[in-house]
């Protein structure tokens, strides 16, 4: 059921902080800060569960957001929202339309509308899994803005805005706990060059949300050490029987040769631009979504095999 207030429909079902973040385009960490600092937070309490935002809680926060965007300071905006009776609260709590296609998202980024971009990404992640949000929305929108021949004004690049907001939303998603009761899984190390850093973290966050312990490792040449050497040093300290490799060119090919020489490591090679590398221990996938699906299955199967063999999960 939903109730109408101020000409809009307000959901009766109490919402999580993630759902409110997606609805209002405000990060979950900001919502938690407002709760601690101003007392503007979820009002419903359930034994043994996280507190939930009631419809009137969402309306108050929406009013605070509107006041802040009109130039009111956060403290004054919170005090004003808290002082208002529910029956006179405005129209901020309803579900707002967010860009749902790459073209709409790219237009919001070109317009410098970080709030709308954040709202779109948070809403998309709330409704479907992260790898498909990357493949279906973020990546094609990024391609669109990067292909723009009109260029960007210095310091206001649409691609930078899109990437920055994507990082923020990704970081918020990474703070969420995975569902309880997931099968045991072996550790995965995701090796990526600079060009593929953002999708590598999409993979890493998705794996952790599936209960797969994951580390991201840079493969570019830094401080006299290349990716192959960095991987070898990592393996000396951290058992990781599965490596996800994201990269292109001869550097990536050299890294693959090093990893393939380690007979205890299985490799998932990601991307249409990855080098053609044939090895029995290398499984090639084309998309981030396929990578996450295959890696989760492999990590769980590896952990189960180790338990059967008496070695325990890594």
Protein backbone atom coordinates (compact mmCIF):
# COMPACT_ATOMS: atom_id res chain seq x y z
CA UNK A 1 0.00 0.00 0.00
CA UNK A 2 0.98 3.61 -0.51
CA UNK A 3 -0.50 6.81 0.84
CA UNK A 4 -0.84 10.10 -1.01
CA UNK A 5 0.69 13.25 0.44
CA UNK A 6 1.11 16.53 -1.33
CA UNK A 7 0.07 15.06 -4.70
CA UNK A 8 2.48 12.11 -4.65
CA UNK A 9 2.50 8.50 -3.60
CA UNK A 10 4.57 7.61 -0.56
CA UNK A 11 5.40 3.94 0.09
CA UNK A 12 4.14 2.63 3.43
CA UNK A 13 6.86 -0.03 3.65
CA UNK A 14 9.80 1.12 5.82
CA UNK A 15 13.00 1.47 3.80
CA UNK A 16 16.64 0.56 4.38
CA UNK A 17 19.39 3.18 4.21
CA UNK A 18 20.37 1.81 0.79
CA UNK A 19 16.82 2.21 -0.53
CA UNK A 20 16.58 5.77 0.81
CA UNK A 21 19.96 6.57 -0.74
CA UNK A 22 18.70 5.36 -4.13
CA UNK A 23 15.38 7.19 -3.76
CA UNK A 24 16.84 10.58 -2.83
CA UNK A 25 20.26 10.49 -4.50
CA UNK A 26 22.10 10.97 -1.19
CA UNK A 27 24.94 8.64 -0.22
CA UNK A 28 24.36 6.16 2.60
CA UNK A 29 27.35 7.54 4.53
CA UNK A 30 25.84 11.05 4.34
CA UNK A 31 22.51 9.73 5.65
CA UNK A 32 24.29 8.09 8.57
CA UNK A 33 26.20 11.32 9.27
CA UNK A 34 22.95 13.31 9.30
CA UNK A 35 21.48 10.82 11.74
CA UNK A 36 24.45 11.12 14.13
CA UNK A 37 24.85 14.86 13.79
CA UNK A 38 21.27 16.10 13.55
CA UNK A 39 19.07 13.22 14.72
CA UNK A 40 17.47 13.00 11.28
CA UNK A 41 17.33 9.27 10.71
CA UNK A 42 15.22 6.11 10.68
CA UNK A 43 12.44 5.96 13.24
CA UNK A 44 11.31 2.33 13.06
CA UNK A 45 12.97 -0.19 15.36
CA UNK A 46 12.71 -3.95 15.01
CA UNK A 47 14.29 -6.41 17.40
CA UNK A 48 17.33 -8.06 15.85
CA UNK A 49 17.17 -6.01 12.65
CA UNK A 50 18.54 -2.77 11.23
CA UNK A 51 16.43 0.33 11.83
CA UNK A 52 14.22 1.35 8.90
CA UNK A 53 13.12 4.70 7.52
CA UNK A 54 9.39 5.33 7.78
CA UNK A 55 7.65 7.37 5.05
CA UNK A 56 7.70 10.50 7.24
CA UNK A 57 11.44 9.98 7.87
CA UNK A 58 12.04 9.92 4.11
CA UNK A 59 9.94 13.08 3.67
CA UNK A 60 11.92 14.96 6.29
CA UNK A 61 15.24 14.02 4.69
CA UNK A 62 13.88 14.95 1.26
CA UNK A 63 12.89 18.35 2.66
CA UNK A 64 16.39 18.77 4.12
CA UNK A 65 17.91 17.96 0.72
CA UNK A 66 15.67 20.54 -0.98
CA UNK A 67 16.63 23.21 1.56
CA UNK A 68 20.35 22.48 1.16
CA UNK A 69 20.07 22.75 -2.63
CA UNK A 70 18.34 26.11 -2.17
CA UNK A 71 21.35 27.40 -0.22
CA UNK A 72 20.36 26.68 3.40
CA UNK A 73 23.13 25.32 5.66
CA UNK A 74 22.89 21.66 6.64
CA UNK A 75 22.30 22.34 10.34
CA UNK A 76 19.51 24.85 9.68
CA UNK A 77 17.99 22.60 7.02
CA UNK A 78 17.91 19.66 9.44
CA UNK A 79 16.37 21.76 12.21
CA UNK A 80 13.69 23.04 9.81
CA UNK A 81 12.87 19.53 8.57
CA UNK A 82 12.68 18.12 12.11
CA UNK A 83 10.38 20.95 13.25
CA UNK A 84 7.80 20.36 10.52
CA UNK A 85 4.72 18.25 11.28
CA UNK A 86 4.20 15.29 8.98
CA UNK A 87 0.98 16.70 7.54
CA UNK A 88 2.71 19.82 6.19
CA UNK A 89 5.84 18.22 4.80
CA UNK A 90 6.43 18.85 1.10
CA UNK A 91 6.79 16.69 -1.93
CA UNK A 92 10.38 15.53 -1.56
CA UNK A 93 9.79 11.96 -0.43
CA UNK A 94 8.33 10.48 -3.58
CA UNK A 95 10.23 8.28 -5.99
CA UNK A 96 12.06 10.52 -8.42
CA UNK A 97 12.68 9.54 -12.00
CA UNK A 98 16.36 8.80 -12.52
CA UNK A 99 18.21 8.29 -15.80
CA UNK A 100 17.77 4.62 -16.67
CA UNK A 101 19.60 4.43 -20.01
CA UNK A 102 23.24 5.09 -20.96
CA UNK A 103 22.18 8.04 -23.11
CA UNK A 104 20.27 9.71 -20.26
CA UNK A 105 23.14 9.06 -17.85
CA UNK A 106 25.64 10.52 -20.32
CA UNK A 107 23.49 13.64 -20.75
CA UNK A 108 23.35 14.14 -16.98
CA UNK A 109 27.14 13.80 -16.80
CA UNK A 110 27.62 16.29 -19.65
CA UNK A 111 25.36 18.69 -17.81
CA UNK A 112 27.50 18.46 -14.68
CA UNK A 113 24.56 17.08 -12.69
CA UNK A 114 26.38 14.90 -10.16
CA UNK A 115 23.27 14.50 -8.00
CA UNK A 116 21.25 13.04 -10.87
CA UNK A 117 24.13 10.73 -11.86
CA UNK A 118 24.42 9.49 -8.27
CA UNK A 119 20.68 8.96 -8.03
CA UNK A 120 20.69 6.97 -11.28
CA UNK A 121 23.54 4.70 -10.23
CA UNK A 122 22.22 4.13 -6.71
CA UNK A 123 18.75 3.33 -8.06
CA UNK A 124 20.17 0.94 -10.66
CA UNK A 125 22.27 -0.93 -8.08
CA UNK A 126 19.26 -1.17 -5.78
CA UNK A 127 17.25 -2.85 -8.54
CA UNK A 128 19.77 -5.18 -10.19
CA UNK A 129 23.21 -6.67 -9.66
CA UNK A 130 26.32 -4.51 -9.85
CA UNK A 131 28.07 -6.25 -12.80
CA UNK A 132 25.07 -5.65 -15.05
CA UNK A 133 24.81 -2.03 -13.89
CA UNK A 134 28.40 -1.65 -15.08
CA UNK A 135 27.88 -3.44 -18.40
CA UNK A 136 24.43 -2.04 -19.23
CA UNK A 137 24.67 1.51 -17.87
CA UNK A 138 28.02 2.84 -16.65
CA UNK A 139 30.39 1.48 -19.32
CA UNK A 140 28.31 2.54 -22.35
CA UNK A 141 27.64 5.96 -20.81
CA UNK A 142 31.38 6.36 -20.25
CA UNK A 143 32.06 5.39 -23.86
CA UNK A 144 29.54 7.98 -24.99
CA UNK A 145 31.06 10.89 -23.07
CA UNK A 146 34.62 9.90 -24.02
CA UNK A 147 33.65 9.81 -27.70
CA UNK A 148 32.27 13.36 -27.59
CA UNK A 149 34.19 15.45 -30.14
CA UNK A 150 33.13 18.73 -28.49
CA UNK A 151 35.53 18.09 -25.63
CA UNK A 152 35.29 19.23 -22.01
CA UNK A 153 35.85 22.46 -20.15
CA UNK A 154 39.02 22.09 -18.02
CA UNK A 155 38.22 20.93 -14.51
CA UNK A 156 34.65 19.97 -15.45
CA UNK A 157 35.06 16.80 -17.50
CA UNK A 158 31.86 14.77 -17.89
CA UNK A 159 33.85 11.52 -17.89
CA UNK A 160 35.58 12.53 -14.66
CA UNK A 161 32.24 13.38 -13.05
CA UNK A 162 30.76 10.06 -14.10
CA UNK A 163 33.78 8.13 -12.88
CA UNK A 164 33.95 10.02 -9.57
CA UNK A 165 30.30 9.44 -8.76
CA UNK A 166 30.62 5.78 -9.81
CA UNK A 167 33.53 5.40 -7.38
CA UNK A 168 31.46 6.96 -4.58
CA UNK A 169 28.49 4.66 -5.19
CA UNK A 170 30.79 1.67 -5.51
CA UNK A 171 32.43 2.51 -2.19
CA UNK A 172 29.00 2.70 -0.55
CA UNK A 173 28.06 -0.69 -2.00
CA UNK A 174 31.30 -2.18 -0.67
CA UNK A 175 30.30 -1.27 2.91
CA UNK A 176 27.23 -3.52 2.78
CA UNK A 177 27.51 -6.92 4.42
CA UNK A 178 27.04 -9.98 2.18
CA UNK A 179 23.94 -12.09 2.82
CA UNK A 180 24.40 -14.64 5.63
CA UNK A 181 24.90 -18.34 5.01
CA UNK A 182 26.90 -18.12 1.77
CA UNK A 183 29.10 -21.12 0.88
CA UNK A 184 32.79 -21.02 1.75
CA UNK A 185 34.95 -19.59 -1.04
CA UNK A 186 38.68 -19.43 -1.77
CA UNK A 187 40.48 -16.09 -1.98
CA UNK A 188 40.71 -14.28 -5.32
CA UNK A 189 43.25 -11.67 -6.42
CA UNK A 190 42.14 -9.30 -9.19
CA UNK A 191 45.10 -8.03 -11.22
CA UNK A 192 44.45 -4.91 -13.26
CA UNK A 193 46.22 -2.23 -15.23
CA UNK A 194 45.31 1.42 -14.76
CA UNK A 195 42.91 1.47 -17.71
CA UNK A 196 40.75 -1.27 -16.20
CA UNK A 197 40.86 -0.15 -12.56
CA UNK A 198 37.22 0.86 -12.20
CA UNK A 199 35.75 -2.34 -13.72
CA UNK A 200 38.26 -4.34 -11.67
CA UNK A 201 36.81 -2.83 -8.51
CA UNK A 202 33.30 -3.55 -9.81
CA UNK A 203 34.39 -7.18 -10.04
CA UNK A 204 36.02 -7.08 -6.61
CA UNK A 205 33.03 -5.54 -4.82
CA UNK A 206 30.69 -7.98 -6.57
CA UNK A 207 32.83 -10.93 -5.49
CA UNK A 208 32.94 -9.76 -1.88
CA UNK A 209 29.16 -9.27 -1.89
CA UNK A 210 28.96 -12.93 -2.99
CA UNK A 211 31.12 -13.98 -0.04
CA UNK A 212 34.38 -14.34 -1.96
CA UNK A 213 37.36 -12.70 -0.19
CA UNK A 214 39.10 -10.52 -2.78
CA UNK A 215 42.17 -8.31 -3.19
CA UNK A 216 42.86 -5.83 -6.03
CA UNK A 217 46.47 -5.69 -7.23
CA UNK A 218 47.92 -3.15 -9.70
CA UNK A 219 49.91 -4.57 -12.61
CA UNK A 220 51.46 -1.42 -14.09
CA UNK A 221 55.14 -0.59 -13.56
CA UNK A 222 55.52 1.36 -10.30
CA UNK A 223 58.69 2.13 -8.31
CA UNK A 224 60.81 -0.29 -10.28
CA UNK A 225 58.42 -3.22 -9.91
CA UNK A 226 56.22 -4.62 -12.65
CA UNK A 227 52.97 -6.52 -12.21
CA UNK A 228 54.53 -9.95 -12.54
CA UNK A 229 56.96 -9.30 -9.70
CA UNK A 230 54.23 -7.71 -7.58
CA UNK A 231 52.08 -10.80 -8.06
CA UNK A 232 54.96 -13.10 -7.07
CA UNK A 233 55.52 -11.14 -3.86
CA UNK A 234 51.82 -11.18 -3.11
CA UNK A 235 51.70 -14.96 -3.58
CA UNK A 236 54.62 -15.40 -1.18
CA UNK A 237 52.53 -13.81 1.57
CA UNK A 238 48.93 -14.62 0.67
CA UNK A 239 47.63 -17.92 -0.69
CA UNK A 240 45.23 -17.05 -3.51
CA UNK A 241 44.43 -19.99 -5.80
CA UNK A 242 42.42 -17.87 -8.26
CA UNK A 243 43.60 -14.83 -10.23
CA UNK A 244 41.32 -12.59 -12.27
CA UNK A 245 43.34 -10.72 -14.90
CA UNK A 246 42.12 -7.50 -16.53
CA UNK A 247 44.45 -5.83 -19.02
CA UNK A 248 45.64 -5.63 -22.60
CA UNK A 249 48.79 -5.71 -24.69
CA UNK A 250 52.22 -7.21 -24.17
CA UNK A 251 52.39 -6.24 -20.48
CA UNK A 252 49.29 -8.28 -19.75
CA UNK A 253 50.62 -11.16 -21.84
CA UNK A 254 53.87 -11.19 -19.86
CA UNK A 255 51.91 -11.20 -16.62
CA UNK A 256 49.84 -14.14 -17.82
CA UNK A 257 53.01 -16.10 -18.58
CA UNK A 258 54.21 -15.55 -15.01
CA UNK A 259 50.89 -16.59 -13.48
CA UNK A 260 50.53 -19.63 -15.73
CA UNK A 261 53.92 -20.85 -14.51
CA UNK A 262 52.39 -21.11 -11.02
CA UNK A 263 50.67 -24.48 -11.24
CA UNK A 264 48.60 -23.74 -8.11
CA UNK A 265 46.73 -20.79 -9.59
CA UNK A 266 43.66 -20.82 -11.84
CA UNK A 267 43.16 -17.75 -14.04
CA UNK A 268 40.05 -15.98 -15.27
CA UNK A 269 41.01 -13.65 -18.13
CA UNK A 270 38.50 -10.84 -18.72
CA UNK A 271 37.65 -8.72 -21.74
CA UNK A 272 37.50 -8.75 -25.51
CA UNK A 273 40.71 -6.66 -25.58
CA UNK A 274 42.69 -9.16 -23.45
CA UNK A 275 45.58 -10.92 -25.23
CA UNK A 276 45.02 -14.27 -26.90
CA UNK A 277 46.62 -16.58 -24.34
CA UNK A 278 46.10 -20.32 -24.45
CA UNK A 279 46.66 -22.36 -21.31
CA UNK A 280 44.67 -25.13 -19.67
CA UNK A 281 44.45 -23.13 -16.43
CA UNK A 282 43.21 -19.93 -18.12
CA UNK A 283 39.48 -19.46 -18.58
CA UNK A 284 38.54 -16.55 -20.84
CA UNK A 285 35.34 -14.49 -20.41
CA UNK A 286 34.26 -11.39 -22.28
CA UNK A 287 32.20 -9.41 -19.76
CA UNK A 288 32.37 -8.29 -16.14
CA UNK A 289 29.10 -10.10 -15.39
CA UNK A 290 30.42 -13.37 -16.83
CA UNK A 291 33.66 -12.90 -14.90
CA UNK A 292 31.85 -12.54 -11.57
CA UNK A 293 29.61 -15.53 -12.25
CA UNK A 294 32.47 -17.82 -13.28
CA UNK A 295 34.82 -16.65 -10.53
CA UNK A 296 32.26 -17.13 -7.77
CA UNK A 297 31.58 -20.67 -8.98
CA UNK A 298 35.31 -21.43 -9.22
CA UNK A 299 36.09 -19.96 -5.77
CA UNK A 300 33.36 -22.01 -4.12
CA UNK A 301 34.33 -25.19 -5.97
CA UNK A 302 38.00 -24.70 -5.04
CA UNK A 303 37.12 -24.19 -1.37
CA UNK A 304 34.92 -27.29 -1.37
CA UNK A 305 37.68 -29.37 -2.98
CA UNK A 306 40.19 -28.18 -0.39
CA UNK A 307 37.84 -29.16 2.42
CA UNK A 308 37.34 -32.61 0.90
CA UNK A 309 41.11 -32.92 0.58
CA UNK A 310 41.60 -32.04 4.25
CA UNK A 311 43.39 -28.74 3.58
CA UNK A 312 40.60 -26.35 4.61
CA UNK A 313 39.56 -23.30 2.66
CA UNK A 314 42.16 -20.62 1.85
